[in-house]
Amino acid sequence: MKNVKLFEQFTNEAKSINEEAGSYKPGNISIPDTYDIKWTTTDLDLGEGIFAKKYDFEFEMTMEDSAVFGEKIKQTVVMSMSDDSTGVFALGDDVEKFSGIPEEEVKKDVAAGKESENDAIIYGLVNIMNGGKDQYFWTNGTRLSGAAKNVSSMSAVIEQIAHEAGVTLTRLILVKTIAQKLKIDITNEDWVTHDYGSGEYMWPAVGDTGDDKNPIVMIDQETFATAGSAMISMLTDGFFEMASNYLQDLPKLK
């Protein structure tokens, strides 16, 4: 609990500093010459044992040397947490199609008691839905509680956010941003199957850009890290709110 209080103190102090500087507002972060992100949040009712929020956001990298400098993108991500792995399929009709995970098998395994706090069919997942237009970040709350017992609640939460939002979701959003920059339709599957230089389904990679021998490397490391910071900043408060339903030593923020 001491760690939680220290973290709350840290975030509150950081927010107050930004508020004094005029750069922080809930749903609006603007860091000069770095990035701008604005979002609205809507709570979703997807059924018992499922917590979900929809984030409609507008994101733009404002670093002049960024691979996606000045390319403003508007997107929607649904962040969700549920009691077991069946909850992920409540997010959209085509979750099974894009994830490749058979819904009926998951339902049978969960009903048969094959999930526990130490062993889940799915722990966390980021993928696209709604025909490729939107995306989601989902977590198995019961499995998260098990992970917290092996490390700590704070460590388990930070690891999950960093893994799924800071890496997987960030790359997905940056690939869509590059696709938009290339005038590829990002409202359907066109951007998913497009040949970016190494064949279909080979998405732009992160690394040292500008090498003609590696055209698939289109996302520079600083852009990736900075965009990850933006995604984490947008989603962390909501994630803590959901996680507090499964981790008793986290404060209930709402």
Protein backbone atom coordinates (compact mmCIF):
# COMPACT_ATOMS: atom_id res chain seq x y z
CA MET A 1 0.00 0.00 0.00
CA LYS A 2 2.95 2.30 0.67
CA ASN A 3 4.03 1.96 -2.96
CA VAL A 4 0.53 2.86 -4.15
CA LYS A 5 0.48 6.00 -2.02
CA LEU A 6 3.88 7.02 -3.32
CA PHE A 7 2.73 6.49 -6.90
CA GLU A 8 -0.44 8.51 -6.31
CA GLN A 9 1.63 11.28 -4.76
CA PHE A 10 4.00 11.23 -7.76
CA THR A 11 1.20 11.40 -10.36
CA ASN A 12 -0.69 14.10 -8.46
CA GLU A 13 2.43 16.21 -8.17
CA ALA A 14 3.21 15.71 -11.87
CA LYS A 15 -0.30 16.72 -12.87
CA SER A 16 -0.27 19.81 -10.65
CA ILE A 17 3.03 20.93 -12.17
CA ASN A 18 1.61 20.52 -15.68
CA GLU A 19 -1.60 22.28 -14.71
CA GLU A 20 0.40 25.24 -13.46
CA ALA A 21 2.27 25.27 -16.76
CA GLY A 22 -1.04 25.11 -18.61
CA SER A 23 -0.17 21.94 -20.56
CA TYR A 24 -2.22 19.33 -18.69
CA LYS A 25 -5.95 18.90 -18.87
CA PRO A 26 -7.86 15.63 -18.49
CA GLY A 27 -8.21 14.30 -22.01
CA ASN A 28 -5.66 16.71 -23.46
CA ILE A 29 -1.87 16.48 -23.36
CA SER A 30 0.30 18.80 -25.41
CA ILE A 31 4.08 18.63 -25.12
CA PRO A 32 5.74 21.23 -27.39
CA ASP A 33 7.83 19.76 -30.21
CA THR A 34 6.96 16.25 -29.04
CA TYR A 35 3.29 15.22 -29.37
CA ASP A 36 -0.31 16.31 -28.98
CA ILE A 37 -3.07 13.94 -27.93
CA LYS A 38 -6.71 14.68 -27.19
CA TRP A 39 -9.34 12.14 -26.21
CA THR A 40 -12.82 11.58 -24.85
CA THR A 41 -13.79 8.56 -22.77
CA THR A 42 -17.09 6.68 -22.74
CA ASP A 43 -17.98 3.86 -20.33
CA LEU A 44 -19.40 0.82 -22.11
CA ASP A 45 -21.87 -1.73 -20.72
CA LEU A 46 -20.86 -5.07 -22.24
CA GLY A 47 -22.27 -7.40 -19.62
CA GLU A 48 -21.59 -8.73 -16.15
CA GLY A 49 -17.97 -9.14 -15.22
CA ILE A 50 -16.74 -6.96 -18.09
CA PHE A 51 -15.36 -3.46 -17.59
CA ALA A 52 -14.86 -1.36 -20.71
CA LYS A 53 -14.11 2.18 -21.82
CA LYS A 54 -14.03 3.61 -25.33
CA TYR A 55 -11.37 6.18 -26.10
CA ASP A 56 -11.88 8.38 -29.14
CA PHE A 57 -8.59 10.16 -29.66
CA GLU A 58 -6.66 12.43 -31.98
CA PHE A 59 -2.89 12.01 -32.00
CA GLU A 60 -0.09 13.88 -33.73
CA MET A 61 3.70 13.67 -33.46
CA THR A 62 5.15 17.20 -33.47
CA MET A 63 8.86 16.28 -33.41
CA GLU A 64 10.20 17.52 -36.73
CA ASP A 65 12.48 14.50 -37.21
CA SER A 66 9.72 11.98 -36.50
CA ALA A 67 8.85 9.51 -39.25
CA VAL A 68 5.21 10.59 -38.93
CA PHE A 69 5.75 14.29 -38.19
CA GLY A 70 2.59 16.33 -38.73
CA GLU A 71 0.41 13.34 -39.60
CA LYS A 72 -2.68 13.75 -37.40
CA ILE A 73 -4.69 10.56 -36.92
CA LYS A 74 -8.12 10.06 -35.36
CA GLN A 75 -8.75 6.62 -33.90
CA THR A 76 -10.84 4.65 -31.41
CA VAL A 77 -9.53 2.09 -28.94
CA VAL A 78 -11.65 0.12 -26.49
CA MET A 79 -9.86 -0.79 -23.27
CA SER A 80 -11.45 -3.61 -21.34
CA MET A 81 -10.90 -6.00 -18.45
CA SER A 82 -13.00 -9.01 -17.57
CA ASP A 83 -13.24 -11.94 -15.17
CA ASP A 84 -12.16 -14.53 -17.72
CA SER A 85 -11.08 -14.97 -21.34
CA THR A 86 -14.61 -15.09 -22.74
CA GLY A 87 -14.92 -11.36 -22.09
CA VAL A 88 -12.69 -10.37 -24.99
CA PHE A 89 -15.28 -11.60 -27.50
CA ALA A 90 -17.85 -9.11 -26.20
CA LEU A 91 -15.81 -6.28 -27.68
CA GLY A 92 -16.80 -6.84 -31.31
CA ASP A 93 -18.27 -9.31 -33.78
CA ASP A 94 -14.97 -9.96 -35.54
CA VAL A 95 -12.62 -10.44 -32.57
CA GLU A 96 -12.34 -14.13 -33.43
CA LYS A 97 -11.64 -13.40 -37.09
CA PHE A 98 -8.74 -11.03 -36.50
CA SER A 99 -7.26 -12.74 -33.43
CA GLY A 100 -7.50 -16.28 -34.77
CA ILE A 101 -8.70 -17.46 -31.35
CA PRO A 102 -11.82 -19.69 -31.59
CA GLU A 103 -14.55 -18.26 -29.36
CA GLU A 104 -16.44 -21.50 -28.79
CA GLU A 105 -13.31 -23.35 -27.68
CA VAL A 106 -12.50 -20.60 -25.23
CA LYS A 107 -16.02 -20.71 -23.80
CA LYS A 108 -15.81 -24.49 -23.38
CA ASP A 109 -12.43 -24.33 -21.67
CA VAL A 110 -13.53 -21.59 -19.29
CA ALA A 111 -16.73 -23.49 -18.46
CA ALA A 112 -14.60 -26.57 -17.79
CA GLY A 113 -12.58 -24.66 -15.20
CA LYS A 114 -9.38 -24.52 -17.20
CA GLU A 115 -8.62 -20.96 -16.14
CA SER A 116 -7.22 -19.76 -12.83
CA GLU A 117 -5.36 -16.75 -11.49
CA ASN A 118 -2.11 -18.48 -12.48
CA ASP A 119 -3.10 -19.91 -15.85
CA ALA A 120 -5.37 -18.16 -18.34
CA ILE A 121 -6.24 -19.05 -21.92
CA ILE A 122 -5.65 -15.38 -22.75
CA TYR A 123 -3.91 -12.97 -20.35
CA GLY A 124 -3.86 -9.83 -22.48
CA LEU A 125 -4.60 -8.97 -26.08
CA VAL A 126 -4.35 -6.02 -28.45
CA ASN A 127 -5.82 -6.36 -31.91
CA ILE A 128 -8.10 -4.77 -34.48
CA MET A 129 -11.87 -5.11 -34.83
CA ASN A 130 -14.84 -3.59 -36.64
CA GLY A 131 -13.43 -4.52 -40.02
CA GLY A 132 -9.99 -3.13 -39.22
CA LYS A 133 -11.23 0.37 -38.39
CA ASP A 134 -10.90 0.18 -34.59
CA GLN A 135 -8.73 -1.60 -32.03
CA TYR A 136 -8.89 -2.89 -28.47
CA PHE A 137 -6.67 -3.50 -25.44
CA TRP A 138 -8.08 -6.26 -23.25
CA THR A 139 -6.84 -7.84 -20.00
CA ASN A 140 -7.90 -10.92 -18.02
CA GLY A 141 -8.51 -9.42 -14.58
CA THR A 142 -8.33 -12.71 -12.69
CA ARG A 143 -5.00 -13.55 -14.30
CA LEU A 144 -3.74 -10.04 -13.49
CA SER A 145 -4.52 -10.69 -9.82
CA GLY A 146 -2.43 -13.86 -9.99
CA ALA A 147 0.47 -12.02 -11.56
CA ALA A 148 0.32 -9.46 -8.75
CA LYS A 149 0.85 -12.19 -6.17
CA ASN A 150 4.11 -13.19 -7.87
CA VAL A 151 5.52 -9.66 -7.99
CA SER A 152 3.34 -6.83 -6.64
CA SER A 153 0.16 -5.13 -7.71
CA MET A 154 2.07 -2.09 -8.92
CA SER A 155 4.58 -4.17 -10.88
CA ALA A 156 1.86 -6.32 -12.47
CA VAL A 157 -0.13 -3.26 -13.57
CA ILE A 158 2.90 -1.43 -14.95
CA GLU A 159 4.12 -4.54 -16.80
CA GLN A 160 0.74 -5.10 -18.44
CA ILE A 161 0.30 -1.47 -19.50
CA ALA A 162 3.87 -1.28 -20.82
CA HIS A 163 3.57 -4.56 -22.73
CA GLU A 164 0.15 -4.14 -24.31
CA ALA A 165 -0.30 -0.35 -24.56
CA GLY A 166 3.29 0.83 -24.66
CA VAL A 167 4.45 -1.68 -27.26
CA THR A 168 1.71 -3.61 -29.09
CA LEU A 169 -0.96 -0.90 -29.29
CA THR A 170 1.65 1.77 -30.04
CA ARG A 171 3.04 -0.12 -33.02
CA LEU A 172 -0.47 -0.74 -34.33
CA ILE A 173 -1.35 2.97 -34.13
CA LEU A 174 1.92 4.01 -35.77
CA VAL A 175 1.42 1.52 -38.62
CA LYS A 176 -2.03 2.98 -39.22
CA THR A 177 -0.52 6.48 -39.15
CA ILE A 178 2.03 5.48 -41.79
CA ALA A 179 -0.72 3.87 -43.85
CA GLN A 180 -2.75 7.08 -43.70
CA LYS A 181 0.34 9.04 -44.75
CA LEU A 182 0.67 6.70 -47.75
CA LYS A 183 -3.02 7.33 -48.64
CA ILE A 184 -4.03 3.76 -47.77
CA ASP A 185 -7.56 3.23 -46.45
CA ILE A 186 -7.43 2.65 -42.68
CA THR A 187 -11.19 2.18 -42.26
CA ASN A 188 -11.04 -1.41 -43.52
CA GLU A 189 -8.47 -4.19 -43.96
CA ASP A 190 -6.50 -2.47 -46.73
CA TRP A 191 -3.85 -1.16 -44.33
CA VAL A 192 -3.49 -4.63 -42.76
CA THR A 193 -2.70 -6.49 -45.97
CA HIS A 194 -0.82 -3.70 -47.76
CA ASP A 195 2.71 -4.49 -48.96
CA TYR A 196 4.90 -1.94 -47.18
CA GLY A 197 8.05 -3.33 -48.78
CA SER A 198 8.44 -6.91 -47.58
CA GLY A 199 5.18 -8.55 -48.60
CA GLU A 200 1.62 -8.71 -47.30
CA TYR A 201 1.10 -8.76 -43.52
CA MET A 202 4.68 -7.54 -43.00
CA TRP A 203 4.07 -4.30 -41.11
CA PRO A 204 6.52 -1.39 -40.91
CA ALA A 205 9.23 -2.14 -38.36
CA VAL A 206 10.99 -0.06 -35.70
CA GLY A 207 14.67 0.76 -36.06
CA ASP A 208 17.08 3.00 -37.90
CA THR A 209 15.13 4.54 -40.76
CA GLY A 210 16.44 5.79 -44.09
CA ASP A 211 18.30 2.61 -45.08
CA ASP A 212 17.41 1.69 -48.67
CA LYS A 213 18.38 -1.93 -47.94
CA ASN A 214 15.72 -2.12 -45.22
CA PRO A 215 12.69 -0.25 -46.57
CA ILE A 216 10.39 -2.00 -44.11
CA VAL A 217 12.00 -0.01 -41.25
CA MET A 218 9.74 3.04 -41.25
CA ILE A 219 9.36 3.86 -37.55
CA ASP A 220 12.29 5.48 -35.79
CA GLN A 221 12.99 4.49 -32.20
CA GLU A 222 12.27 7.91 -30.71
CA THR A 223 8.89 8.09 -32.43
CA PHE A 224 8.03 4.64 -31.12
CA ALA A 225 9.07 5.46 -27.56
CA THR A 226 7.31 8.82 -27.57
CA ALA A 227 4.09 7.49 -29.07
CA GLY A 228 4.18 4.76 -26.44
CA SER A 229 4.32 7.43 -23.75
CA ALA A 230 1.24 9.08 -25.26
CA MET A 231 -0.77 5.82 -25.32
CA ILE A 232 0.22 5.00 -21.74
CA SER A 233 -0.63 8.52 -20.54
CA MET A 234 -4.08 8.29 -22.10
CA LEU A 235 -4.94 4.82 -20.75
CA THR A 236 -3.27 4.53 -17.34
CA ASP A 237 -5.96 6.15 -15.16
CA GLY A 238 -8.67 3.99 -16.70
CA PHE A 239 -6.55 0.86 -16.40
CA PHE A 240 -5.96 1.48 -12.69
CA GLU A 241 -9.69 2.00 -12.23
CA MET A 242 -10.45 -1.37 -13.83
CA ALA A 243 -7.57 -3.19 -12.12
CA SER A 244 -8.75 -2.04 -8.69
CA ASN A 245 -11.67 -4.47 -9.09
CA TYR A 246 -9.20 -7.36 -9.03
CA LEU A 247 -6.26 -6.05 -6.99
CA GLN A 248 -7.40 -5.26 -3.47
CA ASP A 249 -4.38 -3.14 -2.56
CA LEU A 250 -4.96 -0.72 -5.44
CA PRO A 251 -7.18 2.26 -4.62
CA LYS A 252 -10.56 2.39 -6.33
CA LEU A 253 -10.19 5.58 -8.31
CA LYS A 254 -13.87 5.98 -9.05
